[in-house]
Protein backbone atom coordinates (compact mmCIF):
# COMPACT_ATOMS: atom_id res chain seq x y z
CA MET A 1 16.08 -50.26 27.10
CA GLU A 2 13.24 -49.79 29.57
CA ASN A 3 10.63 -47.32 28.26
CA ILE A 4 12.70 -46.66 25.13
CA VAL A 5 9.64 -46.80 22.86
CA LYS A 6 7.72 -44.50 25.20
CA ALA A 7 10.67 -42.09 25.27
CA GLY A 8 10.79 -41.88 21.47
CA ILE A 9 7.06 -41.74 20.74
CA PHE A 10 6.25 -39.28 23.53
CA GLY A 11 9.32 -37.37 22.34
CA VAL A 12 7.71 -36.97 18.91
CA CYS A 13 4.23 -36.08 20.20
CA ILE A 14 5.43 -33.51 22.73
CA GLY A 15 7.80 -31.83 20.25
CA ASP A 16 4.87 -31.67 17.82
CA ALA A 17 2.44 -30.27 20.43
CA LEU A 18 4.92 -27.57 21.48
CA GLY A 19 5.17 -26.46 17.85
CA VAL A 20 1.50 -26.58 16.76
CA PRO A 21 0.43 -23.18 18.17
CA VAL A 22 3.29 -21.29 16.51
CA GLU A 23 3.47 -23.03 13.13
CA PHE A 24 4.34 -20.54 10.33
CA LYS A 25 5.69 -17.96 12.82
CA LYS A 26 8.92 -16.26 11.78
CA ARG A 27 12.16 -16.96 13.63
CA GLU A 28 12.73 -13.30 14.43
CA ASP A 29 9.29 -13.09 16.10
CA LEU A 30 10.00 -16.20 18.19
CA LYS A 31 13.34 -14.66 19.22
CA LYS A 32 11.37 -11.81 20.80
CA ILE A 33 8.81 -14.06 22.49
CA PRO A 34 10.22 -17.62 22.51
CA VAL A 35 8.14 -20.72 23.21
CA THR A 36 9.02 -22.10 26.66
CA GLY A 37 6.17 -24.60 27.08
CA TYR A 38 2.73 -25.51 25.74
CA LEU A 39 0.67 -22.68 24.30
CA GLU A 40 -2.94 -22.90 23.14
CA PHE A 41 -5.10 -21.79 20.20
CA MET A 42 -3.04 -19.40 18.02
CA SER A 43 -2.04 -20.91 14.61
CA TRP A 44 -4.48 -23.85 14.52
CA ASN A 45 -6.92 -22.79 17.27
CA GLN A 46 -6.27 -26.01 19.20
CA PRO A 47 -6.25 -26.57 22.98
CA LYS A 48 -2.98 -26.95 24.91
CA GLY A 49 -1.10 -30.23 24.39
CA THR A 50 -2.67 -30.92 20.97
CA TRP A 51 -0.48 -32.72 18.44
CA SER A 52 -0.89 -32.76 14.66
CA ASP A 53 -0.53 -35.03 11.63
CA ASP A 54 3.14 -35.70 12.48
CA SER A 55 2.17 -37.58 15.64
CA SER A 56 -1.02 -39.07 14.15
CA LEU A 57 0.89 -40.81 11.36
CA THR A 58 3.70 -41.83 13.73
CA LEU A 59 1.06 -43.43 15.98
CA CYS A 60 -0.61 -45.12 12.99
CA ILE A 61 2.70 -46.79 12.09
CA ALA A 62 3.45 -47.69 15.71
CA ASP A 63 -0.02 -49.19 16.08
CA GLU A 64 0.35 -51.35 12.97
CA LEU A 65 3.81 -52.53 14.06
CA THR A 66 2.29 -54.00 17.23
CA LYS A 67 0.68 -56.55 14.89
CA GLY A 68 3.80 -57.09 12.72
CA TYR A 69 4.99 -55.35 9.57
CA ASN A 70 2.39 -55.06 6.79
CA LEU A 71 2.80 -52.22 4.30
CA GLU A 72 -0.79 -52.32 3.01
CA LYS A 73 -2.17 -52.18 6.55
CA ILE A 74 0.01 -49.16 7.34
CA GLY A 75 -1.41 -47.51 4.19
CA GLN A 76 -4.96 -48.33 5.28
CA SER A 77 -4.33 -46.86 8.74
CA PHE A 78 -3.41 -43.58 6.97
CA VAL A 79 -6.75 -43.79 5.13
CA LYS A 80 -8.59 -44.29 8.45
CA TRP A 81 -6.78 -41.25 9.84
CA ASN A 82 -7.70 -39.17 6.80
CA LYS A 83 -11.35 -40.23 6.56
CA TYR A 84 -12.36 -40.99 10.14
CA GLY A 85 -9.89 -39.20 12.43
CA HIS A 86 -8.11 -42.43 13.51
CA TRP A 87 -5.26 -41.51 15.89
CA THR A 88 -6.04 -37.81 15.87
CA ALA A 89 -5.84 -35.71 19.03
CA HIS A 90 -9.54 -34.73 19.07
CA GLY A 91 -11.23 -37.09 16.60
CA ARG A 92 -10.69 -34.96 13.52
CA LEU A 93 -7.82 -34.04 11.25
CA PHE A 94 -6.80 -30.37 11.15
CA ASP A 95 -3.53 -30.46 9.21
CA ILE A 96 -2.36 -32.46 6.19
CA GLY A 97 0.41 -31.87 3.64
CA GLY A 98 -0.36 -31.78 -0.08
CA THR A 99 1.82 -34.76 -1.04
CA THR A 100 0.32 -36.85 1.78
CA ARG A 101 -3.21 -35.85 0.75
CA HIS A 102 -2.68 -36.81 -2.91
CA SER A 103 -1.11 -40.13 -1.97
CA ILE A 104 -3.88 -41.06 0.46
CA ALA A 105 -6.44 -40.17 -2.23
CA ARG A 106 -4.83 -42.89 -4.36
CA LEU A 107 -5.05 -45.36 -1.49
CA ILE A 108 -8.75 -44.49 -1.06
CA LYS A 109 -9.29 -45.27 -4.75
CA GLY A 110 -7.76 -48.73 -4.20
CA GLU A 111 -4.11 -48.20 -5.19
CA SER A 112 -1.57 -50.42 -3.40
CA ALA A 113 0.60 -48.73 -0.75
CA LYS A 114 3.57 -49.88 -2.86
CA PHE A 115 2.62 -47.42 -5.61
CA SER A 116 0.64 -44.67 -3.89
CA GLY A 117 3.42 -42.15 -3.19
CA ASN A 118 4.38 -39.07 -5.17
CA ILE A 119 7.78 -39.46 -6.85
CA PHE A 120 8.69 -36.08 -8.31
CA GLU A 121 11.40 -33.74 -7.10
CA GLU A 122 8.85 -31.18 -5.93
CA ASP A 123 7.33 -33.85 -3.64
CA ASN A 124 10.10 -33.62 -1.05
CA GLY A 125 8.27 -32.15 1.89
CA ASN A 126 8.98 -33.61 5.32
CA GLY A 127 5.77 -35.71 5.47
CA SER A 128 7.45 -39.11 5.58
CA LEU A 129 10.44 -38.08 7.72
CA MET A 130 8.14 -36.77 10.46
CA ARG A 131 6.47 -40.17 11.01
CA THR A 132 9.33 -42.63 10.43
CA LEU A 133 10.69 -43.03 13.99
CA PRO A 134 8.75 -46.24 14.89
CA LEU A 135 10.73 -48.07 12.20
CA ALA A 136 13.87 -47.60 14.33
CA PHE A 137 12.35 -49.84 17.01
CA TYR A 138 11.21 -52.37 14.44
CA LEU A 139 14.57 -52.47 12.59
CA LYS A 140 17.01 -52.07 15.48
CA ASP A 141 18.32 -55.66 15.18
CA GLU A 142 18.33 -55.81 11.37
CA GLU A 143 21.90 -56.58 10.27
CA ASN A 144 21.15 -56.50 6.55
CA ILE A 145 21.46 -52.87 5.45
CA GLU A 146 19.69 -53.58 2.16
CA LYS A 147 16.63 -54.93 4.01
CA LEU A 148 16.78 -51.94 6.34
CA TYR A 149 16.89 -49.48 3.45
CA GLN A 150 14.13 -51.21 1.49
CA THR A 151 11.76 -51.27 4.49
CA ILE A 152 12.35 -47.57 5.21
CA LYS A 153 11.90 -46.83 1.50
CA GLU A 154 8.58 -48.72 1.32
CA VAL A 155 7.10 -46.88 4.29
CA SER A 156 8.31 -43.47 3.11
CA ALA A 157 7.00 -44.15 -0.40
CA ILE A 158 3.42 -44.69 0.80
CA THR A 159 3.36 -40.91 0.39
CA HIS A 160 6.89 -39.68 -0.43
CA GLY A 161 8.60 -41.86 -3.02
CA HIS A 162 11.37 -39.57 -4.27
CA PHE A 163 14.91 -40.70 -3.41
CA ARG A 164 15.62 -37.55 -1.36
CA SER A 165 12.77 -38.19 1.07
CA VAL A 166 13.62 -41.89 1.31
CA PHE A 167 17.33 -41.20 1.95
CA ALA A 168 16.51 -38.60 4.62
CA CYS A 169 14.33 -41.19 6.40
CA PHE A 170 17.15 -43.75 6.07
CA ILE A 171 19.70 -41.42 7.70
CA TYR A 172 17.29 -40.53 10.51
CA VAL A 173 16.27 -44.13 11.29
CA ILE A 174 19.88 -45.36 11.32
CA PHE A 175 20.78 -42.50 13.66
CA ALA A 176 17.86 -43.36 15.96
CA ILE A 177 18.92 -47.04 15.99
CA GLU A 178 22.43 -46.07 17.09
CA LEU A 179 20.92 -44.02 19.94
CA ILE A 180 18.67 -46.95 20.93
CA LYS A 181 21.84 -49.05 21.14
CA GLY A 182 23.25 -46.57 23.65
CA LYS A 183 25.77 -44.72 21.48
CA LYS A 184 26.79 -41.20 22.41
CA ARG A 185 25.50 -38.43 20.14
CA LYS A 186 28.68 -37.70 18.16
CA GLU A 187 29.56 -41.39 17.92
CA ALA A 188 26.11 -42.12 16.48
CA TYR A 189 26.41 -39.17 14.11
CA PHE A 190 29.82 -40.18 12.72
CA HIS A 191 28.53 -43.75 12.35
CA ILE A 192 25.63 -42.67 10.13
CA GLN A 193 27.95 -40.55 8.01
CA LYS A 194 30.11 -43.61 7.31
CA VAL A 195 27.20 -46.02 6.76
CA ALA A 196 25.16 -43.71 4.52
CA VAL A 197 28.12 -42.68 2.34
CA GLU A 198 29.36 -46.25 1.95
CA TYR A 199 25.90 -47.58 1.16
CA SER A 200 25.24 -44.83 -1.39
CA GLU A 201 28.53 -45.66 -3.15
CA ILE A 202 27.84 -49.42 -3.23
CA GLN A 203 24.34 -48.78 -4.59
CA GLY A 204 25.54 -46.21 -7.11
CA PHE A 205 22.97 -43.64 -6.01
CA ASN A 206 22.83 -40.43 -8.03
CA PRO A 207 25.87 -38.40 -6.84
CA LYS A 208 23.98 -35.14 -7.40
CA GLU A 209 21.36 -36.28 -4.87
CA ILE A 210 23.99 -37.43 -2.36
CA GLU A 211 25.77 -34.08 -2.74
CA LEU A 212 22.62 -32.37 -1.40
CA PHE A 213 23.28 -34.18 1.90
CA TYR A 214 26.85 -32.81 2.02
CA ARG A 215 26.36 -30.73 5.19
CA ILE A 216 25.06 -33.77 7.06
CA LEU A 217 27.21 -36.56 5.61
CA LYS A 218 30.57 -35.04 4.63
CA ASP A 219 30.74 -32.08 6.99
CA ASP A 220 29.45 -31.69 10.57
CA ILE A 221 25.99 -30.11 10.62
CA SER A 222 26.32 -29.23 14.32
CA THR A 223 29.08 -26.69 13.61
CA TYR A 224 26.97 -24.45 11.36
CA PRO A 225 25.68 -21.15 12.78
CA GLU A 226 21.94 -20.92 13.43
CA GLU A 227 21.38 -18.47 10.57
CA GLU A 228 22.54 -21.17 8.14
CA ILE A 229 19.97 -23.67 9.44
CA LYS A 230 16.62 -23.45 7.69
CA SER A 231 13.36 -24.72 9.18
CA SER A 232 10.93 -24.89 6.28
CA GLY A 233 8.82 -27.94 5.35
CA TYR A 234 11.47 -29.18 2.88
CA VAL A 235 12.74 -32.60 3.93
CA LEU A 236 16.42 -31.67 3.79
CA HIS A 237 15.88 -28.55 5.90
CA SER A 238 13.95 -30.59 8.47
CA LEU A 239 16.63 -33.27 8.74
CA GLU A 240 19.43 -30.71 9.03
CA ALA A 241 17.54 -28.61 11.57
CA SER A 242 16.61 -31.61 13.73
CA LEU A 243 20.14 -33.00 13.83
CA TRP A 244 21.50 -29.50 14.49
CA CYS A 245 19.11 -28.89 17.42
CA PHE A 246 19.75 -32.31 18.92
CA LEU A 247 23.55 -32.15 18.60
CA ASN A 248 23.64 -28.63 20.07
CA SER A 249 21.53 -29.29 23.20
CA GLU A 250 22.10 -30.92 26.56
CA THR A 251 18.53 -31.91 27.53
CA TYR A 252 15.30 -33.06 25.87
CA ALA A 253 13.61 -29.74 26.70
CA GLU A 254 16.46 -27.67 25.28
CA ALA A 255 16.49 -29.69 22.04
CA VAL A 256 12.76 -29.42 21.29
CA LEU A 257 12.46 -25.76 22.32
CA LYS A 258 15.45 -24.95 20.12
CA ALA A 259 13.66 -26.74 17.26
CA VAL A 260 10.32 -25.00 17.75
CA ASN A 261 11.91 -21.57 18.14
CA LEU A 262 13.56 -21.88 14.71
CA GLY A 263 10.11 -20.94 13.37
CA GLU A 264 8.21 -21.88 10.19
CA ASP A 265 7.45 -25.63 10.26
CA THR A 266 7.66 -25.64 14.03
CA ASP A 267 5.55 -28.73 14.82
CA THR A 268 7.48 -30.96 12.42
CA THR A 269 10.95 -29.75 13.39
CA GLY A 270 9.83 -30.24 17.01
CA ALA A 271 8.52 -33.76 16.31
CA ILE A 272 11.58 -34.98 14.39
CA THR A 273 13.98 -33.53 16.97
CA GLY A 274 11.79 -34.80 19.81
CA GLY A 275 11.94 -38.41 18.64
CA ILE A 276 15.73 -38.70 18.79
CA ALA A 277 16.03 -36.47 21.87
CA GLY A 278 13.44 -38.60 23.69
CA ILE A 279 15.36 -41.80 22.94
CA TYR A 280 18.68 -40.26 23.95
CA TYR A 281 17.68 -38.57 27.20
CA GLY A 282 15.05 -41.09 28.28
CA PHE A 283 11.38 -40.80 29.23
CA GLU A 284 12.21 -39.78 32.81
CA ASN A 285 14.02 -36.68 31.51
CA ILE A 286 11.06 -35.31 29.54
CA PRO A 287 9.43 -32.58 31.66
CA GLU A 288 6.59 -34.10 33.69
CA GLU A 289 4.30 -31.14 33.00
CA TRP A 290 4.57 -31.73 29.24
CA ILE A 291 3.75 -35.41 29.64
CA SER A 292 0.76 -34.79 31.91
CA GLU A 293 -0.78 -32.13 29.65
CA LEU A 294 -0.34 -34.06 26.40
CA VAL A 295 -3.69 -34.85 24.77
CA ARG A 296 -4.59 -38.61 24.84
CA LYS A 297 -1.51 -39.41 26.91
CA GLU A 298 -3.07 -42.62 28.33
CA ASP A 299 -3.83 -43.94 24.82
CA ILE A 300 -0.31 -43.12 23.66
CA GLU A 301 1.18 -44.76 26.75
CA ALA A 302 -0.86 -47.94 26.23
CA LEU A 303 0.26 -48.11 22.59
CA CYS A 304 3.92 -47.58 23.55
CA GLU A 305 3.77 -50.36 26.13
CA LYS A 306 2.24 -52.71 23.58
CA LEU A 307 4.92 -51.87 21.00
CA GLN A 308 7.72 -52.15 23.58
CA LYS A 309 6.54 -55.67 24.51
CA LYS A 310 6.32 -56.66 20.87
CA LEU A 311 9.63 -55.26 19.64
CA ILE A 312 12.07 -54.73 22.48
CA ALA A 313 13.05 -58.08 23.96
């Protein structure tokens, strides 16, 4: 369990930073010139090792969890990020999704974080999935699945309140918890299939919604060919792609580079994959060069150590 928080959080930030320069690039172009390490400028004109909103919001949640769980304070940390550049790589925000922007605007106007999120079907971008990893550390010992689900739902719904986004976060966090507990990849994967399907049946969730998760929950997403894995900003694509990359790789570096080289929403696929790959392979197996060139690495390290002390006994 040593450095497990650092492994996961650095995993997210590095996956994100690898993807930032090539965001929106097509897969066929990245096949010709694949990403093999940090690049600079390009899509967002940012220096090497710069991470985006994915990591910023992950770090906001992690930071708040060092003080205990408080939904309103997590919401306010998102406001500080949006207005003042809190937990940004260079003191200013350069990337924000539409659903996240609208939801934070409500928080700025004084809405409670319980009611600030968008709830319509078209609001199922990957903006809550990309930042949800710290909840795995916070909830790792929670035996009550209902409490687990409700906490994940609350934090997702600060911005993304539709069931599909919430359920994607739920699957991802449960998977990450199994990896924290030391389960092997396939064992953890089959466990989440069982837990998520059983829980959805007990709760009577809309079967049409659950059916959308068929490839993850009833089949084996790792067996699909790459051309059937999409890497857009849609939450279901991001969850499928991240699990696919992780289950089809043998190292942290292979997993995140596979994710980034799928193209399109490269930083987010990299971040989501990087979180679980970091936990699984361990901090010591993340390439040293990527750690050393990550922007604000000392600040991130200090935060991880604080969260580790608080949450991992």
